[in-house]
């Protein structure tokens, strides 16, 4: 038997899982790590914890699966994107990692955008934004504020690349991460040299990993030290993965043009597959080859979604979800007069307005918690529809959505998403999209499937289908126009 070890390096923990060649998960084990938060929107983690947790979680998962290390054929993993590390020649961190949610590099992000370099085309057709989360702003912050660390760094790379070095001894970045957040263009010459030089970061080009490896390709095999730490043979293949949300596309089975992944959690992400490149305001991408060779990915995102549901729970003393869902499901579309703007932490797309804020319009003394609960789900779903409309205006039209993450467990919310978008929504049998996607990559890299697409066919299994209700689709069209009108009205009031 052949088995595959996967890891999902998230914000709060690293989870290892064991899969077989048919996509069945045999065991799962997570180990949490700490994040240090400080003033200035800073969030840091110790990369040594990432490696220690990878080893501990992997050993536990192998044990819980009841298999021997000799039966593990390949490893693949997905990690948070934009978690930037400065490493010495031995792969040890010179300082804590600036994880994805660290946004201290605001001034540096503005400096990147101010260059007007052609590499910025992928950021809303060159109109922005450039997020302080991304690689270049963080690298520029290091050079400006910790020049001794920047100069000493042998490599400045990401969580993904750190694990790859610990496992294989090779420096190799994923085309997925670099294409998504490092301004790398696989279809236009590779590294953004003119942009890097315009920022005075010429040395960074030598500090980035010298190899760029596509998801599903074998980076190498285990070093003696890694094999001993994990209790695995040195022959185990290490297969390239990438950013958790993008590898989640594979785990959702989203690979064909017209398909769209809706990845939910504290925020929503929308990723669509297209055969042709496109760039437009309000749309990020299209990114070439970052998941599938010869295909592009367009991106949208909402900064606050499931986090607003949690906010309501904190405000009202918690949720009895069963009772709340039943009461909310009995309401008609529109929650009896409520419209919610979902910009509680600003808007990522299609407006790209960090200063926009949430709004609840139409409140009366007759409204109760279940009205707000449903109205929040509707407002978030309208936000997704606004992104789909921006995609369509740019030339990309989704024919269906496939959902994963926390919201996909809610029948009500999935129905509202289907009704507001007018699209059918598929929910695969396995909700663990980044890990399932990593398993597909491992199996492909090990030679069991000729392509990632073939691996999806063999390992990603269908679950349930949510069809839009035609009557609700019509009702939501009228309500959506009110939602769209709320943004400029609220923006004007906030500006005053």
Protein backbone atom coordinates (compact mmCIF):
# COMPACT_ATOMS: atom_id res chain seq x y z
CA UNK A 1 0.00 0.00 0.00
CA UNK A 2 1.06 3.57 -0.70
CA UNK A 3 0.20 6.38 1.70
CA UNK A 4 0.79 10.11 1.61
CA UNK A 5 1.63 12.48 4.44
CA UNK A 6 0.15 15.96 4.15
CA UNK A 7 0.36 19.04 6.32
CA UNK A 8 -1.82 22.13 6.55
CA UNK A 9 0.26 24.88 8.18
CA UNK A 10 -2.43 27.30 9.30
CA UNK A 11 -2.48 30.46 11.37
CA UNK A 12 -3.04 28.72 14.70
CA UNK A 13 -1.71 25.19 14.24
CA UNK A 14 -0.16 22.67 11.92
CA UNK A 15 -2.31 19.66 11.08
CA UNK A 16 -0.85 16.49 9.55
CA UNK A 17 -3.01 13.91 7.80
CA UNK A 18 -2.48 10.51 6.18
CA UNK A 19 -4.24 9.69 2.90
CA UNK A 20 -4.41 6.65 0.66
CA UNK A 21 -4.36 6.70 -3.14
CA UNK A 22 -8.16 6.97 -3.32
CA UNK A 23 -8.27 10.13 -1.24
CA UNK A 24 -9.40 8.53 2.02
CA UNK A 25 -8.08 10.25 5.14
CA UNK A 26 -6.85 7.63 7.62
CA UNK A 27 -5.69 9.90 10.43
CA UNK A 28 -5.38 13.54 11.41
CA UNK A 29 -3.43 15.24 14.17
CA UNK A 30 -2.90 18.95 14.94
CA UNK A 31 -0.37 20.73 17.14
CA UNK A 32 -0.91 24.40 18.01
CA UNK A 33 1.72 27.11 18.01
CA UNK A 34 1.73 30.61 19.45
CA UNK A 35 1.47 33.96 17.71
CA UNK A 36 2.99 37.05 19.30
CA UNK A 37 0.89 40.16 18.70
CA UNK A 38 2.13 43.67 19.38
CA UNK A 39 1.30 47.29 18.64
CA UNK A 40 1.47 48.43 15.06
CA UNK A 41 -0.59 45.52 13.69
CA UNK A 42 2.32 43.13 14.18
CA UNK A 43 1.95 39.35 14.29
CA UNK A 44 4.96 37.03 14.54
CA UNK A 45 5.65 33.31 14.89
CA UNK A 46 8.77 31.28 15.60
CA UNK A 47 9.70 29.20 12.51
CA UNK A 48 11.31 26.62 14.81
CA UNK A 49 7.78 25.92 16.08
CA UNK A 50 6.62 25.22 12.52
CA UNK A 51 9.24 22.51 12.11
CA UNK A 52 8.78 21.05 15.60
CA UNK A 53 5.01 20.87 15.06
CA UNK A 54 5.44 19.34 11.61
CA UNK A 55 7.53 16.56 13.15
CA UNK A 56 5.21 16.01 16.13
CA UNK A 57 1.98 16.11 14.13
CA UNK A 58 3.39 13.86 11.38
CA UNK A 59 4.62 11.21 13.81
CA UNK A 60 1.26 11.25 15.62
CA UNK A 61 -0.74 10.96 12.37
CA UNK A 62 1.38 8.05 11.15
CA UNK A 63 0.90 6.28 14.47
CA UNK A 64 -2.85 6.95 14.56
CA UNK A 65 -3.21 5.64 10.98
CA UNK A 66 -1.68 2.33 12.07
CA UNK A 67 0.87 2.28 9.27
CA UNK A 68 4.64 2.07 9.25
CA UNK A 69 6.90 4.85 8.06
CA UNK A 70 8.08 2.59 5.22
CA UNK A 71 4.58 2.78 3.71
CA UNK A 72 4.68 6.58 3.30
CA UNK A 73 5.64 7.29 -0.29
CA UNK A 74 5.41 11.09 -0.60
CA UNK A 75 4.83 14.30 1.36
CA UNK A 76 3.07 17.49 0.24
CA UNK A 77 1.87 20.46 2.27
CA UNK A 78 0.08 23.79 2.10
CA UNK A 79 0.84 26.73 4.34
CA UNK A 80 -0.29 30.26 5.03
CA UNK A 81 0.88 32.60 2.29
CA UNK A 82 2.89 35.79 2.97
CA UNK A 83 4.41 34.42 6.18
CA UNK A 84 7.88 35.83 5.49
CA UNK A 85 11.09 34.50 7.07
CA UNK A 86 14.72 35.67 7.09
CA UNK A 87 17.02 32.64 7.31
CA UNK A 88 20.75 31.98 7.60
CA UNK A 89 22.77 29.47 5.55
CA UNK A 90 21.58 26.62 7.80
CA UNK A 91 17.91 27.49 7.36
CA UNK A 92 17.59 28.88 10.88
CA UNK A 93 15.55 32.02 11.48
CA UNK A 94 17.39 35.27 12.19
CA UNK A 95 14.23 36.77 13.70
CA UNK A 96 10.59 35.72 14.18
CA UNK A 97 8.55 35.38 11.00
CA UNK A 98 6.23 38.20 9.91
CA UNK A 99 3.11 36.11 9.33
CA UNK A 100 0.43 36.93 6.78
CA UNK A 101 -1.72 39.05 9.12
CA UNK A 102 1.23 41.26 10.06
CA UNK A 103 0.54 44.57 8.29
CA UNK A 104 3.26 46.80 9.75
CA UNK A 105 4.62 47.44 6.23
CA UNK A 106 1.90 49.92 5.24
CA UNK A 107 4.30 52.65 4.12
CA UNK A 108 6.35 50.10 2.23
CA UNK A 109 3.21 48.85 0.42
CA UNK A 110 2.52 52.42 -0.68
CA UNK A 111 6.11 52.69 -1.94
CA UNK A 112 5.68 49.52 -4.01
CA UNK A 113 2.49 50.83 -5.59
CA UNK A 114 4.06 54.25 -6.22
CA UNK A 115 6.66 52.72 -8.57
CA UNK A 116 3.94 52.16 -11.18
CA UNK A 117 5.98 49.21 -12.41
CA UNK A 118 4.51 46.94 -15.08
CA UNK A 119 4.62 44.01 -12.62
CA UNK A 120 1.70 45.66 -10.79
CA UNK A 121 -0.66 44.92 -13.67
CA UNK A 122 -1.99 41.95 -11.74
CA UNK A 123 -3.16 44.21 -8.89
CA UNK A 124 -6.46 45.50 -10.26
CA UNK A 125 -4.94 46.25 -13.70
CA UNK A 126 -2.20 48.31 -12.05
CA UNK A 127 -4.54 50.48 -9.99
CA UNK A 128 -3.74 48.62 -6.79
CA UNK A 129 -3.83 47.57 -4.13
CA UNK A 130 -0.48 46.44 -2.84
CA UNK A 131 -1.07 44.85 0.53
CA UNK A 132 1.38 45.20 3.44
CA UNK A 133 0.81 41.45 3.89
CA UNK A 134 2.83 40.64 0.75
CA UNK A 135 6.46 39.70 0.22
CA UNK A 136 7.91 42.91 -1.22
CA UNK A 137 6.53 45.32 1.40
CA UNK A 138 7.76 43.04 4.19
CA UNK A 139 11.20 42.63 2.62
CA UNK A 140 11.41 46.41 2.17
CA UNK A 141 10.39 46.90 5.82
CA UNK A 142 13.23 44.60 6.89
CA UNK A 143 15.75 46.52 4.80
CA UNK A 144 14.56 49.88 6.16
CA UNK A 145 14.09 48.95 9.81
CA UNK A 146 16.38 45.96 10.44
CA UNK A 147 19.14 46.38 7.86
CA UNK A 148 21.53 44.09 9.74
CA UNK A 149 18.98 41.25 9.54
CA UNK A 150 18.33 41.94 5.86
CA UNK A 151 22.05 41.96 5.06
CA UNK A 152 22.79 38.79 7.07
CA UNK A 153 19.89 36.85 5.57
CA UNK A 154 20.99 34.11 3.21
CA UNK A 155 17.36 33.56 2.20
CA UNK A 156 14.21 35.67 2.53
CA UNK A 157 11.31 33.42 1.69
CA UNK A 158 8.08 31.94 3.11
CA UNK A 159 6.77 29.31 5.53
CA UNK A 160 6.39 26.92 2.57
CA UNK A 161 10.01 27.31 1.52
CA UNK A 162 11.28 26.97 5.09
CA UNK A 163 9.61 23.54 5.43
CA UNK A 164 10.93 22.50 2.01
CA UNK A 165 14.50 23.30 3.09
CA UNK A 166 14.10 21.48 6.41
CA UNK A 167 12.84 18.41 4.58
CA UNK A 168 15.10 18.31 1.51
CA UNK A 169 18.05 20.64 2.11
CA UNK A 170 17.12 22.41 -1.15
CA UNK A 171 16.06 26.03 -1.58
CA UNK A 172 12.95 25.97 -3.76
CA UNK A 173 9.98 28.34 -3.86
CA UNK A 174 6.53 27.36 -5.08
CA UNK A 175 5.34 28.99 -8.30
CA UNK A 176 2.02 29.19 -6.49
CA UNK A 177 3.22 31.50 -3.71
CA UNK A 178 5.56 33.60 -5.84
CA UNK A 179 2.99 34.02 -8.60
CA UNK A 180 0.29 34.96 -6.12
CA UNK A 181 2.12 37.38 -3.81
CA UNK A 182 5.72 38.00 -5.01
CA UNK A 183 4.81 39.58 -8.40
CA UNK A 184 6.43 36.63 -10.21
CA UNK A 185 5.09 36.20 -13.75
CA UNK A 186 5.43 32.69 -15.11
CA UNK A 187 4.07 33.96 -18.44
CA UNK A 188 6.21 37.11 -18.61
CA UNK A 189 9.84 36.54 -17.70
CA UNK A 190 9.64 35.35 -14.10
CA UNK A 191 11.01 37.58 -11.33
CA UNK A 192 9.89 41.26 -11.19
CA UNK A 193 13.45 42.58 -11.54
CA UNK A 194 12.57 46.14 -12.54
CA UNK A 195 10.16 46.48 -9.60
CA UNK A 196 12.70 45.10 -7.12
CA UNK A 197 15.41 47.43 -8.41
CA UNK A 198 13.09 50.45 -8.37
CA UNK A 199 12.73 49.83 -4.63
CA UNK A 200 16.50 49.56 -4.06
CA UNK A 201 16.12 45.87 -3.20
CA UNK A 202 18.58 44.49 -5.76
CA UNK A 203 20.12 42.18 -3.14
CA UNK A 204 16.74 40.51 -2.61
CA UNK A 205 16.97 38.81 -6.00
CA UNK A 206 19.94 36.81 -4.64
CA UNK A 207 18.19 36.08 -1.35
CA UNK A 208 15.09 34.51 -2.90
CA UNK A 209 15.26 30.73 -3.52
CA UNK A 210 17.06 29.98 -6.81
CA UNK A 211 14.52 27.35 -7.90
CA UNK A 212 10.83 27.87 -8.60
CA UNK A 213 8.92 24.59 -8.60
CA UNK A 214 5.32 24.07 -9.68
CA UNK A 215 2.74 22.34 -7.44
CA UNK A 216 2.84 18.60 -7.99
CA UNK A 217 6.50 18.50 -9.04
CA UNK A 218 9.03 16.62 -6.90
CA UNK A 219 11.46 18.95 -5.13
CA UNK A 220 13.65 16.15 -3.80
CA UNK A 221 13.79 13.45 -1.14
CA UNK A 222 14.33 13.60 2.61
CA UNK A 223 17.67 14.48 4.12
CA UNK A 224 19.10 12.05 6.65
CA UNK A 225 18.23 14.45 9.48
CA UNK A 226 14.63 14.93 8.32
CA UNK A 227 14.14 11.20 7.78
CA UNK A 228 15.40 10.46 11.28
CA UNK A 229 13.23 13.18 12.84
CA UNK A 230 10.09 11.92 11.09
CA UNK A 231 10.80 8.19 11.33
CA UNK A 232 10.60 7.84 7.54
CA UNK A 233 12.95 6.43 4.89
CA UNK A 234 15.18 8.87 3.00
CA UNK A 235 13.50 7.79 -0.26
CA UNK A 236 10.24 9.61 0.59
CA UNK A 237 9.50 12.17 -2.13
CA UNK A 238 8.82 15.79 -1.16
CA UNK A 239 6.28 17.23 -3.60
CA UNK A 240 5.72 20.96 -4.02
CA UNK A 241 2.53 22.46 -2.61
CA UNK A 242 1.73 26.12 -2.03
CA UNK A 243 -0.60 28.62 -0.42
CA UNK A 244 -3.34 26.93 1.60
CA UNK A 245 -6.30 28.55 -0.19
CA UNK A 246 -4.91 27.81 -3.67
CA UNK A 247 -4.08 24.19 -2.87
CA UNK A 248 -7.62 24.11 -1.48
CA UNK A 249 -8.84 24.67 -5.04
CA UNK A 250 -7.42 21.26 -5.91
CA UNK A 251 -9.06 19.71 -2.83
CA UNK A 252 -12.39 21.17 -3.95
CA UNK A 253 -11.93 19.79 -7.47
CA UNK A 254 -11.98 23.25 -9.08
CA UNK A 255 -9.77 22.92 -12.16
CA UNK A 256 -11.81 23.67 -15.29
CA UNK A 257 -12.50 27.07 -16.87
CA UNK A 258 -15.77 28.47 -15.56
CA UNK A 259 -15.47 26.71 -12.21
CA UNK A 260 -15.03 28.85 -9.12
CA UNK A 261 -13.84 28.00 -5.60
CA UNK A 262 -15.57 29.71 -2.69
CA UNK A 263 -13.28 29.22 0.31
CA UNK A 264 -14.89 30.30 3.55
CA UNK A 265 -13.81 30.94 7.10
CA UNK A 266 -13.19 34.18 8.94
CA UNK A 267 -13.00 35.67 5.46
CA UNK A 268 -14.18 34.56 2.00
CA UNK A 269 -11.91 33.98 -0.99
CA UNK A 270 -13.09 33.46 -4.56
CA UNK A 271 -10.78 31.82 -7.11
CA UNK A 272 -11.84 31.18 -10.69
CA UNK A 273 -10.09 29.18 -13.42
CA UNK A 274 -9.72 30.68 -16.89
CA UNK A 275 -7.84 29.76 -20.06
CA UNK A 276 -7.08 33.38 -20.98
CA UNK A 277 -5.32 36.12 -19.00
CA UNK A 278 -7.34 39.13 -17.85
CA UNK A 279 -6.75 42.16 -15.66
CA UNK A 280 -9.34 44.67 -14.51
CA UNK A 281 -10.05 47.03 -11.61
CA UNK A 282 -11.72 45.16 -8.77
CA UNK A 283 -10.17 41.83 -9.81
CA UNK A 284 -6.80 40.41 -8.75
CA UNK A 285 -4.89 38.33 -11.28
CA UNK A 286 -5.10 36.57 -13.57
CA UNK A 287 -2.14 34.53 -12.31
CA UNK A 288 -0.47 32.20 -14.81
CA UNK A 289 0.19 28.52 -14.00
CA UNK A 290 0.09 28.98 -10.23
CA UNK A 291 -2.05 25.87 -9.73
CA UNK A 292 -2.59 24.22 -13.12
CA UNK A 293 -0.19 24.38 -16.10
CA UNK A 294 -1.60 26.40 -18.97
CA UNK A 295 -4.43 27.92 -16.96
CA UNK A 296 -4.93 31.19 -15.12
CA UNK A 297 -6.54 31.98 -11.77
CA UNK A 298 -8.56 35.13 -11.01
CA UNK A 299 -9.00 36.19 -7.40
CA UNK A 300 -11.51 38.04 -5.27
CA UNK A 301 -11.79 38.34 -1.53
CA UNK A 302 -13.89 39.60 1.35
CA UNK A 303 -12.03 40.64 4.49
CA UNK A 304 -14.74 39.87 7.03
CA UNK A 305 -17.35 37.12 6.67
CA UNK A 306 -17.49 34.34 9.25
CA UNK A 307 -15.84 36.81 11.61
CA UNK A 308 -19.03 38.93 11.50
CA UNK A 309 -21.09 35.92 12.60
CA UNK A 310 -18.63 35.49 15.48
CA UNK A 311 -18.95 39.21 16.27
CA UNK A 312 -22.72 38.84 16.58
CA UNK A 313 -22.22 35.89 18.92
CA UNK A 314 -19.83 37.84 21.14
CA UNK A 315 -22.25 40.75 21.22
CA UNK A 316 -25.26 38.63 22.17
CA UNK A 317 -23.79 36.00 24.45
CA UNK A 318 -23.17 33.18 21.99
CA UNK A 319 -25.11 31.18 19.42
CA UNK A 320 -27.54 28.29 19.69
CA UNK A 321 -26.94 27.52 16.02
CA UNK A 322 -29.69 24.92 15.67
CA UNK A 323 -32.40 27.24 16.98
CA UNK A 324 -30.94 30.31 15.26
CA UNK A 325 -30.74 28.58 11.88
CA UNK A 326 -34.32 27.31 12.18
CA UNK A 327 -35.66 30.79 13.00
CA UNK A 328 -33.56 32.46 10.29
CA UNK A 329 -34.59 29.90 7.68
CA UNK A 330 -38.26 30.72 8.31
CA UNK A 331 -37.69 34.37 7.33
CA UNK A 332 -38.23 35.57 3.75
CA UNK A 333 -35.35 36.94 1.65
CA UNK A 334 -34.40 40.35 3.00
CA UNK A 335 -34.80 39.46 6.67
CA UNK A 336 -37.90 41.66 6.90
CA UNK A 337 -36.27 44.90 5.83
CA UNK A 338 -32.60 44.56 6.84
CA UNK A 339 -29.59 45.22 4.60
CA UNK A 340 -26.07 44.58 5.93
CA UNK A 341 -22.88 45.92 4.34
CA UNK A 342 -20.19 43.37 5.14
CA UNK A 343 -17.18 45.75 5.21
CA UNK A 344 -16.51 45.42 8.95
CA UNK A 345 -12.74 45.33 8.24
CA UNK A 346 -12.81 47.30 4.99
CA UNK A 347 -13.30 45.93 1.48
CA UNK A 348 -10.70 43.89 -0.39
CA UNK A 349 -12.58 43.49 -3.71
CA UNK A 350 -14.24 44.79 -5.80
CA UNK A 351 -13.88 48.28 -4.24
CA UNK A 352 -10.48 47.83 -2.56
CA UNK A 353 -11.34 50.34 0.13
CA UNK A 354 -9.62 49.81 3.48
CA UNK A 355 -11.60 52.72 4.97
CA UNK A 356 -15.06 51.33 4.21
CA UNK A 357 -16.98 50.03 7.21
CA UNK A 358 -19.87 47.77 8.06
CA UNK A 359 -23.43 49.03 8.13
CA UNK A 360 -26.83 47.68 9.19
CA UNK A 361 -29.75 49.48 7.57
CA UNK A 362 -33.47 49.13 8.29
CA UNK A 363 -33.46 48.20 11.97
CA UNK A 364 -36.75 48.34 13.89
CA UNK A 365 -37.75 47.32 17.39
CA UNK A 366 -39.41 44.25 15.89
CA UNK A 367 -36.10 42.79 14.70
CA UNK A 368 -34.53 40.00 16.75
CA UNK A 369 -31.21 38.17 16.73
CA UNK A 370 -32.26 35.71 14.03
CA UNK A 371 -33.10 38.63 11.73
CA UNK A 372 -29.57 39.98 12.13
CA UNK A 373 -28.12 36.50 11.75
CA UNK A 374 -29.81 35.95 8.40
CA UNK A 375 -29.19 39.54 7.24
CA UNK A 376 -25.45 39.14 7.89
CA UNK A 377 -25.37 35.95 5.81
CA UNK A 378 -27.28 37.75 3.06
CA UNK A 379 -24.97 40.77 3.14
CA UNK A 380 -21.88 38.57 2.89
CA UNK A 381 -23.48 36.65 0.03
CA UNK A 382 -24.23 39.94 -1.72
CA UNK A 383 -20.53 40.80 -1.29
CA UNK A 384 -19.67 37.56 -3.09
CA UNK A 385 -22.14 38.43 -5.85
CA UNK A 386 -20.50 41.86 -6.26
CA UNK A 387 -17.19 40.08 -6.82
CA UNK A 388 -18.75 37.69 -9.33
CA UNK A 389 -20.15 40.70 -11.19
CA UNK A 390 -16.67 42.29 -11.26
CA UNK A 391 -15.32 39.03 -12.66
CA UNK A 392 -18.02 39.05 -15.34
CA UNK A 393 -17.27 42.67 -16.25
CA UNK A 394 -13.61 41.68 -16.67
CA UNK A 395 -14.55 38.81 -18.98
CA UNK A 396 -14.76 35.83 -16.61
CA UNK A 397 -18.14 34.21 -15.97
CA UNK A 398 -18.53 31.45 -13.41
CA UNK A 399 -20.88 28.60 -14.27
CA UNK A 400 -20.87 27.04 -10.80
CA UNK A 401 -19.30 27.47 -7.37
CA UNK A 402 -17.68 24.82 -5.21
CA UNK A 403 -17.56 25.71 -1.53
CA UNK A 404 -15.29 24.61 1.28
CA UNK A 405 -14.51 25.78 4.80
CA UNK A 406 -16.70 26.64 7.77
CA UNK A 407 -19.69 28.18 5.97
CA UNK A 408 -20.09 25.11 3.75
CA UNK A 409 -21.43 23.20 6.78
CA UNK A 410 -24.45 25.55 6.91
CA UNK A 411 -27.29 24.45 4.61
CA UNK A 412 -28.98 27.82 5.08
CA UNK A 413 -25.93 29.88 4.19
CA UNK A 414 -25.13 27.73 1.15
CA UNK A 415 -28.73 28.13 -0.04
CA UNK A 416 -28.50 31.91 0.38
CA UNK A 417 -25.22 31.93 -1.60
CA UNK A 418 -26.88 29.89 -4.35
CA UNK A 419 -29.95 32.16 -4.40
CA UNK A 420 -28.03 35.46 -4.40
CA UNK A 421 -25.57 34.33 -7.09
CA UNK A 422 -28.03 32.32 -9.16
CA UNK A 423 -25.41 29.56 -9.37
CA UNK A 424 -25.47 25.94 -8.20
CA UNK A 425 -23.06 25.24 -5.36
CA UNK A 426 -21.18 21.97 -4.95
CA UNK A 427 -19.84 20.86 -1.58
CA UNK A 428 -17.36 17.94 -1.84
CA UNK A 429 -17.45 14.98 0.52
CA UNK A 430 -14.25 16.09 2.29
CA UNK A 431 -14.27 19.57 3.85
CA UNK A 432 -10.49 19.57 4.38
CA UNK A 433 -9.65 21.14 1.03
CA UNK A 434 -5.97 22.16 1.54
CA UNK A 435 -5.08 18.72 2.91
CA UNK A 436 -7.02 16.86 0.22
CA UNK A 437 -5.37 19.05 -2.40
CA UNK A 438 -1.96 18.27 -0.91
CA UNK A 439 -2.77 14.55 -1.05
CA UNK A 440 -3.62 14.88 -4.75
CA UNK A 441 -0.29 16.62 -5.35
CA UNK A 442 1.62 13.95 -3.41
CA UNK A 443 -0.05 11.13 -5.34
CA UNK A 444 0.63 12.88 -8.64
CA UNK A 445 4.26 13.57 -7.73
CA UNK A 446 4.69 9.94 -6.71
CA UNK A 447 3.49 8.83 -10.16
CA UNK A 448 0.07 7.40 -9.29
CA UNK A 449 -1.74 9.95 -11.45
CA UNK A 450 -0.45 11.39 -14.71
CA UNK A 451 -1.74 14.90 -13.93
CA UNK A 452 -3.30 16.94 -11.14
CA UNK A 453 -6.61 16.74 -13.03
CA UNK A 454 -6.42 12.95 -13.08
CA UNK A 455 -5.64 13.00 -9.35
CA UNK A 456 -8.74 15.09 -8.72
CA UNK A 457 -10.84 12.55 -10.59
CA UNK A 458 -9.45 9.73 -8.45
CA UNK A 459 -9.28 11.39 -5.03
CA UNK A 460 -11.82 14.24 -4.73
CA UNK A 461 -15.29 12.83 -4.21
CA UNK A 462 -18.66 14.55 -4.67
CA UNK A 463 -20.81 15.48 -1.72
CA UNK A 464 -24.00 17.51 -2.00
CA UNK A 465 -25.36 19.97 -4.57
CA UNK A 466 -27.31 23.11 -3.65
CA UNK A 467 -29.50 24.44 -6.48
CA UNK A 468 -30.74 28.05 -6.50
CA UNK A 469 -34.45 28.61 -5.83
CA UNK A 470 -35.81 30.63 -8.82
CA UNK A 471 -38.28 32.59 -6.67
CA UNK A 472 -35.55 33.59 -4.22
CA UNK A 473 -33.16 34.46 -7.05
CA UNK A 474 -35.67 37.02 -8.32
CA UNK A 475 -36.29 38.44 -4.85
CA UNK A 476 -32.59 38.81 -4.16
CA UNK A 477 -31.96 40.65 -7.44
CA UNK A 478 -34.02 43.59 -6.17
CA UNK A 479 -32.40 43.44 -2.73
CA UNK A 480 -28.93 43.32 -4.26
CA UNK A 481 -29.52 46.67 -5.96
CA UNK A 482 -30.15 48.17 -2.51
CA UNK A 483 -26.96 46.55 -1.22
CA UNK A 484 -24.95 48.04 -4.09
CA UNK A 485 -26.43 51.51 -3.43
CA UNK A 486 -25.42 51.32 0.23
CA UNK A 487 -21.66 51.48 -0.42
CA UNK A 488 -21.45 54.94 -2.04
CA UNK A 489 -24.02 56.32 0.42
CA UNK A 490 -22.11 55.05 3.45
CA UNK A 491 -18.80 56.13 1.94
CA UNK A 492 -20.12 59.67 1.58
CA UNK A 493 -21.33 59.76 5.19
CA UNK A 494 -18.05 58.36 6.53
CA UNK A 495 -16.06 60.87 4.47
CA UNK A 496 -17.95 63.73 6.11
